[in-house]
N, C-alpha and C. Protein backbone atom coordinates (compact mmCIF):
# COMPACT_ATOMS: atom_id res chain seq x y z
N MET A 1 111.29 112.78 96.51
CA MET A 1 112.07 113.44 95.33
C MET A 1 112.16 114.79 95.64
N TYR A 2 113.37 115.28 95.30
CA TYR A 2 113.73 116.76 95.36
C TYR A 2 112.91 117.51 94.39
N ASN A 3 112.01 118.45 94.94
CA ASN A 3 110.98 119.17 93.96
C ASN A 3 111.67 120.55 93.62
N GLY A 4 112.88 120.87 93.91
CA GLY A 4 113.40 122.14 93.64
C GLY A 4 113.08 123.20 94.80
N VAL A 5 112.16 122.87 95.54
CA VAL A 5 111.75 123.87 96.70
C VAL A 5 112.48 123.65 98.01
N ASN A 6 112.19 122.44 98.43
CA ASN A 6 112.81 121.95 99.81
C ASN A 6 113.86 121.02 99.61
N PRO A 7 115.02 121.40 99.71
CA PRO A 7 116.21 120.59 99.50
C PRO A 7 116.39 119.45 100.52
N PRO A 8 116.78 118.20 100.04
CA PRO A 8 117.02 117.23 101.12
C PRO A 8 117.95 117.68 102.13
N SER A 9 117.84 116.99 103.38
CA SER A 9 118.63 117.29 104.53
C SER A 9 118.78 116.09 105.33
N ARG A 10 120.01 116.07 105.98
CA ARG A 10 120.28 114.80 106.69
C ARG A 10 119.34 114.68 107.92
N VAL A 11 118.74 113.74 108.27
CA VAL A 11 117.85 113.42 109.41
C VAL A 11 118.53 113.16 110.77
N ALA A 12 119.63 112.40 110.56
CA ALA A 12 120.49 111.93 111.84
C ALA A 12 121.91 111.65 111.50
N ASP A 13 122.83 111.97 112.34
CA ASP A 13 124.21 111.49 112.06
C ASP A 13 124.36 110.16 112.88
N ILE A 14 124.12 109.13 112.26
CA ILE A 14 123.98 107.83 113.03
C ILE A 14 125.39 107.45 113.56
N TYR A 15 126.51 107.65 112.65
CA TYR A 15 127.86 107.34 113.10
C TYR A 15 128.68 108.57 113.12
N PRO A 16 128.67 109.40 114.09
CA PRO A 16 129.25 110.84 113.99
C PRO A 16 130.85 110.65 113.63
N GLY A 17 131.31 111.65 113.05
CA GLY A 17 132.64 111.56 112.53
C GLY A 17 132.86 111.31 111.16
N SER A 18 134.02 110.87 110.64
CA SER A 18 134.27 110.55 109.27
C SER A 18 133.71 109.28 108.73
N SER A 19 133.27 108.36 109.72
CA SER A 19 132.83 107.20 109.25
C SER A 19 131.35 107.18 108.74
N ASP A 20 130.87 106.28 107.92
CA ASP A 20 129.46 106.29 107.45
C ASP A 20 128.63 105.16 108.14
N SER A 21 127.52 105.30 108.25
CA SER A 21 126.64 104.28 108.87
C SER A 21 126.06 103.33 107.90
N ASP A 22 125.91 103.78 106.57
CA ASP A 22 125.50 102.96 105.57
C ASP A 22 124.06 102.37 105.87
N PRO A 23 123.01 103.17 106.14
CA PRO A 23 121.73 102.68 106.40
C PRO A 23 121.12 102.10 105.17
N ALA A 24 120.38 101.02 105.26
CA ALA A 24 119.76 100.19 104.23
C ALA A 24 118.58 99.39 104.74
N ASP A 25 117.76 98.99 103.80
CA ASP A 25 116.66 97.99 104.05
C ASP A 25 115.69 98.71 104.98
N LEU A 26 115.25 99.97 104.57
CA LEU A 26 114.43 100.79 105.44
C LEU A 26 112.91 100.16 105.33
N VAL A 27 112.20 100.08 106.44
CA VAL A 27 110.83 99.81 106.35
C VAL A 27 110.15 100.29 107.61
N VAL A 28 108.88 100.82 107.38
CA VAL A 28 108.01 101.46 108.44
C VAL A 28 107.17 100.44 109.18
N TYR A 29 107.41 100.34 110.49
CA TYR A 29 106.52 99.37 111.22
C TYR A 29 106.10 100.00 112.56
N ASN A 30 104.87 100.02 112.95
CA ASN A 30 104.45 100.66 114.16
C ASN A 30 104.82 102.18 114.25
N ASN A 31 104.80 102.83 113.26
CA ASN A 31 104.99 104.23 113.01
C ASN A 31 106.46 104.58 113.50
N LYS A 32 107.42 103.64 113.26
CA LYS A 32 108.76 103.89 113.31
C LYS A 32 109.46 103.31 112.13
N LEU A 33 110.66 103.90 111.79
CA LEU A 33 111.31 103.46 110.58
C LEU A 33 112.46 102.66 111.10
N TYR A 34 112.53 101.30 110.56
CA TYR A 34 113.38 100.36 110.86
C TYR A 34 114.48 100.25 109.74
N PHE A 35 115.71 100.01 110.14
CA PHE A 35 116.66 99.97 109.12
C PHE A 35 117.99 99.30 109.62
N THR A 36 118.93 98.92 108.78
CA THR A 36 120.10 98.33 109.17
C THR A 36 121.24 99.42 108.95
N ALA A 37 122.04 99.63 110.03
CA ALA A 37 123.12 100.63 110.05
C ALA A 37 124.15 100.29 110.86
N ASP A 38 125.22 100.80 110.78
CA ASP A 38 126.53 100.80 111.73
C ASP A 38 126.39 102.12 112.50
N SER A 39 126.90 102.05 113.76
CA SER A 39 126.95 103.26 114.60
C SER A 39 128.27 103.23 115.42
N ASN A 40 128.62 104.20 116.12
CA ASN A 40 129.76 104.12 117.12
C ASN A 40 129.39 103.65 118.36
N ASP A 41 128.39 102.91 118.51
CA ASP A 41 127.88 102.30 119.87
C ASP A 41 128.74 100.96 120.11
N GLY A 42 129.63 100.48 119.25
CA GLY A 42 130.37 99.22 119.33
C GLY A 42 129.50 98.09 119.12
N LYS A 43 128.18 98.14 118.42
CA LYS A 43 127.39 96.96 118.18
C LYS A 43 127.58 96.73 116.67
N GLY A 44 128.13 97.44 115.78
CA GLY A 44 128.25 97.09 114.56
C GLY A 44 127.13 97.27 113.72
N TYR A 45 126.97 96.56 112.42
CA TYR A 45 125.70 96.73 111.65
C TYR A 45 124.53 95.86 112.30
N GLU A 46 123.58 96.56 112.82
CA GLU A 46 122.42 95.93 113.60
C GLU A 46 121.02 96.75 113.28
N LEU A 47 120.04 96.17 113.74
CA LEU A 47 118.64 96.80 113.35
C LEU A 47 118.57 98.15 114.26
N ARG A 48 118.28 99.20 113.55
CA ARG A 48 118.02 100.41 114.32
C ARG A 48 116.82 100.91 113.87
N MET A 49 116.26 101.93 114.75
CA MET A 49 114.92 102.49 114.52
C MET A 49 115.02 104.01 114.62
N TYR A 50 114.13 104.61 113.87
CA TYR A 50 114.02 106.08 113.98
C TYR A 50 112.57 106.36 114.38
N ASN A 51 112.33 107.23 115.37
CA ASN A 51 111.11 107.50 115.80
C ASN A 51 110.57 108.79 115.39
N GLY A 52 111.24 109.54 114.54
CA GLY A 52 110.73 110.76 114.08
C GLY A 52 111.75 111.81 114.71
N SER A 53 112.35 111.56 115.64
CA SER A 53 113.38 112.54 116.17
C SER A 53 114.80 112.08 116.50
N THR A 54 114.95 110.67 116.90
CA THR A 54 116.13 110.20 117.27
C THR A 54 116.18 108.69 116.78
N VAL A 55 117.50 108.35 116.46
CA VAL A 55 117.78 107.08 116.04
C VAL A 55 118.34 106.16 117.29
N SER A 56 117.93 104.96 117.44
CA SER A 56 118.28 104.04 118.62
C SER A 56 118.59 102.66 118.02
N LEU A 57 119.17 101.87 118.78
CA LEU A 57 119.33 100.42 118.45
C LEU A 57 118.08 99.80 118.72
N ALA A 58 117.49 99.16 117.82
CA ALA A 58 116.34 98.38 117.98
C ALA A 58 116.58 97.10 118.70
N VAL A 59 117.61 96.37 118.23
CA VAL A 59 117.97 95.09 118.85
C VAL A 59 119.38 94.79 118.47
N ASP A 60 120.21 94.18 119.32
CA ASP A 60 121.59 93.67 119.04
C ASP A 60 121.46 92.19 118.76
N ILE A 61 121.31 91.93 117.47
CA ILE A 61 121.05 90.51 117.06
C ILE A 61 122.16 89.74 117.38
N PHE A 62 123.49 90.01 117.07
CA PHE A 62 124.66 89.29 117.24
C PHE A 62 125.44 90.16 118.38
N ALA A 63 125.03 89.70 119.77
CA ALA A 63 125.41 90.26 120.79
C ALA A 63 126.83 90.60 120.94
N GLY A 64 127.19 91.85 121.45
CA GLY A 64 128.52 92.23 121.49
C GLY A 64 128.95 93.10 120.20
N SER A 65 130.27 93.14 120.03
CA SER A 65 130.65 93.93 118.72
C SER A 65 130.57 93.42 117.32
N SER A 66 130.15 92.09 117.34
CA SER A 66 129.93 91.51 115.97
C SER A 66 128.82 92.03 115.27
N HIS A 67 128.77 91.86 113.97
CA HIS A 67 127.71 92.56 113.20
C HIS A 67 126.56 91.38 112.99
N GLY A 68 125.40 91.77 113.24
CA GLY A 68 124.24 90.86 112.91
C GLY A 68 123.85 90.99 111.51
N HIS A 69 124.19 92.07 110.80
CA HIS A 69 123.82 92.51 109.41
C HIS A 69 122.32 92.07 109.07
N PRO A 70 121.40 92.52 109.86
CA PRO A 70 120.01 92.21 109.26
C PRO A 70 119.77 92.77 107.99
N TYR A 71 119.09 92.16 107.20
CA TYR A 71 118.77 92.62 105.76
C TYR A 71 117.33 92.14 105.39
N ALA A 72 117.04 92.68 104.21
CA ALA A 72 115.82 92.21 103.64
C ALA A 72 114.50 92.40 104.58
N ASN A 73 114.58 93.51 105.34
CA ASN A 73 113.53 93.92 106.26
C ASN A 73 112.08 94.00 105.44
N THR A 74 111.08 93.13 105.98
CA THR A 74 109.77 93.23 105.30
C THR A 74 108.76 92.95 106.38
N LEU A 75 107.62 93.32 106.10
CA LEU A 75 106.38 93.13 106.91
C LEU A 75 105.55 92.06 106.39
N PHE A 76 105.22 91.14 107.18
CA PHE A 76 104.12 90.02 106.99
C PHE A 76 103.27 89.81 108.19
N ASN A 77 102.04 89.77 107.95
CA ASN A 77 101.06 89.52 109.12
C ASN A 77 101.36 90.47 110.30
N ASN A 78 101.61 91.81 110.02
CA ASN A 78 101.86 92.71 110.99
C ASN A 78 103.00 92.45 111.93
N LYS A 79 103.91 91.80 111.46
CA LYS A 79 105.31 91.62 112.04
C LYS A 79 106.45 91.97 111.20
N LEU A 80 107.53 92.31 111.66
CA LEU A 80 108.72 92.68 110.97
C LEU A 80 109.55 91.47 110.76
N PHE A 81 109.93 90.97 109.66
CA PHE A 81 110.86 89.91 109.40
C PHE A 81 112.11 90.41 108.70
N PHE A 82 113.13 89.66 109.04
CA PHE A 82 114.48 90.07 108.38
C PHE A 82 115.30 88.78 108.47
N SER A 83 116.34 88.92 107.59
CA SER A 83 117.56 87.78 107.70
C SER A 83 118.65 88.44 108.55
N ALA A 84 119.36 87.73 109.41
CA ALA A 84 120.24 88.22 110.22
C ALA A 84 121.07 87.00 110.73
N GLN A 85 122.43 87.35 111.24
CA GLN A 85 123.18 86.36 111.64
C GLN A 85 123.37 86.50 113.17
N GLY A 86 122.79 85.54 113.93
CA GLY A 86 122.92 85.73 115.40
C GLY A 86 124.06 85.22 116.02
N ASP A 87 124.79 84.33 115.44
CA ASP A 87 126.03 83.74 115.82
C ASP A 87 126.82 83.04 114.62
N PHE A 88 128.08 82.76 114.89
CA PHE A 88 128.84 82.19 113.77
C PHE A 88 128.50 80.84 113.49
N ALA A 89 127.89 80.07 114.44
CA ALA A 89 127.66 78.63 114.34
C ALA A 89 126.41 78.41 113.45
N THR A 90 125.32 79.28 113.46
CA THR A 90 124.13 79.12 112.70
C THR A 90 124.17 79.90 111.44
N GLY A 91 124.93 80.99 111.33
CA GLY A 91 124.95 81.90 110.21
C GLY A 91 123.68 82.61 110.20
N TYR A 92 123.29 82.99 109.01
CA TYR A 92 122.06 83.73 108.62
C TYR A 92 120.81 82.95 108.66
N GLU A 93 119.81 83.50 109.37
CA GLU A 93 118.59 82.86 109.62
C GLU A 93 117.44 83.81 109.50
N LEU A 94 116.16 83.26 109.58
CA LEU A 94 115.00 84.27 109.56
C LEU A 94 114.69 84.71 110.95
N TRP A 95 114.44 85.92 111.10
CA TRP A 95 114.24 86.40 112.35
C TRP A 95 112.90 87.49 112.40
N SER A 96 112.22 87.58 113.50
CA SER A 96 111.12 88.42 113.57
C SER A 96 111.21 89.06 114.95
């Protein structure tokens, strides 16, 4: 929360240019911040991670340019779980 002293600032420009990356479903796992976002890497909405200095693709769930749309990222038994679409045939399923 903004305390009036240190204003909020952008941490990373995940999708440079006029498009937005729309980061969502943020969760910390193994000292990294995992979240769903779009980027200009041609992968679409996929699981991304921030290590404290840079954002990178954590995994391309739906290979190629289709969106895996991982969401509801949560931790259970020291594993990261989320719902995502791996292909059009099976739709959204549970991933870890």
